[in-house]
Amino acid sequence: MAAKKFDFAGFWAQKCRTDFKKCQREVFRFNDAQNALANEFYTRLARTPQGRRKILALKGIRAATP
């Protein structure tokens, strides 16, 4: 017998209907944590020459090669 998958989106939709303030707190806390991880990653990546070139390439800016 297959295990029933947890309906993550359905769970949060129901939670947000019943307690919107709690839902907002949880979602924003998650987003803040994700943003902090992304900022740390790009800060560390930008410290290396190869990382700076990759970031500029992602932004669509062509870096001057030495």
Protein backbone atom coordinates (compact mmCIF):
# COMPACT_ATOMS: atom_id res chain seq x y z
CA MET A 1 0.00 0.00 0.00
CA ALA A 2 1.44 3.34 -1.04
CA ALA A 3 1.99 5.95 1.61
CA LYS A 4 -0.25 8.98 1.33
CA LYS A 5 1.66 12.08 0.28
CA PHE A 6 1.46 15.07 2.56
CA ASP A 7 -0.40 17.93 0.86
CA PHE A 8 1.88 20.78 1.88
CA ALA A 9 0.08 23.47 -0.16
CA GLY A 10 -3.31 22.29 1.06
CA PHE A 11 -2.13 22.29 4.67
CA TRP A 12 -0.92 25.89 4.47
CA ALA A 13 -4.02 27.00 2.55
CA GLN A 14 -6.20 25.62 5.37
CA LYS A 15 -3.91 27.08 8.04
CA CYS A 16 -4.03 30.51 6.39
CA ARG A 17 -7.83 30.43 6.23
CA THR A 18 -8.11 29.68 9.94
CA ASP A 19 -5.23 31.74 11.38
CA PHE A 20 -3.95 34.31 8.89
CA LYS A 21 -1.58 36.09 11.31
CA LYS A 22 0.22 32.85 12.17
CA CYS A 23 0.43 32.00 8.49
CA GLN A 24 2.02 35.37 7.71
CA ARG A 25 4.58 34.97 10.50
CA GLU A 26 5.61 31.51 9.31
CA VAL A 27 5.84 32.45 5.64
CA PHE A 28 7.81 35.66 6.24
CA ARG A 29 10.17 33.90 8.63
CA PHE A 30 10.86 31.29 5.94
CA ASN A 31 11.43 33.99 3.29
CA ASP A 32 13.80 35.90 5.57
CA ALA A 33 15.83 32.75 6.17
CA GLN A 34 15.99 32.01 2.43
CA ASN A 35 17.10 35.59 1.68
CA ALA A 36 19.81 35.42 4.34
CA LEU A 37 21.17 32.19 2.83
CA ALA A 38 21.14 33.66 -0.68
CA ASN A 39 22.88 36.85 0.48
CA GLU A 40 25.57 34.85 2.27
CA PHE A 41 26.11 32.66 -0.81
CA TYR A 42 26.52 35.62 -3.18
CA THR A 43 28.74 37.48 -0.73
CA ARG A 44 31.07 34.49 -0.48
CA LEU A 45 30.96 33.92 -4.24
CA ALA A 46 31.81 37.56 -4.98
CA ARG A 47 35.06 37.28 -3.02
CA THR A 48 36.67 35.19 -5.76
CA PRO A 49 37.56 36.42 -9.27
CA GLN A 50 35.76 33.49 -10.90
CA GLY A 51 32.72 34.11 -8.71
CA ARG A 52 32.58 37.79 -9.69
CA ARG A 53 32.65 36.80 -13.37
CA LYS A 54 29.83 34.31 -12.81
CA ILE A 55 27.68 36.88 -11.00
CA LEU A 56 28.23 39.46 -13.74
CA ALA A 57 27.39 36.84 -16.36
CA LEU A 58 24.14 36.03 -14.53
CA LYS A 59 23.25 39.72 -14.53
CA GLY A 60 23.98 39.93 -18.26
CA ILE A 61 27.04 42.16 -17.84
CA ARG A 62 30.16 41.10 -19.65
CA ALA A 63 33.17 41.34 -17.36
CA ALA A 64 36.40 42.75 -18.73
CA THR A 65 38.96 39.98 -18.91
CA PRO A 66 42.51 40.85 -17.85
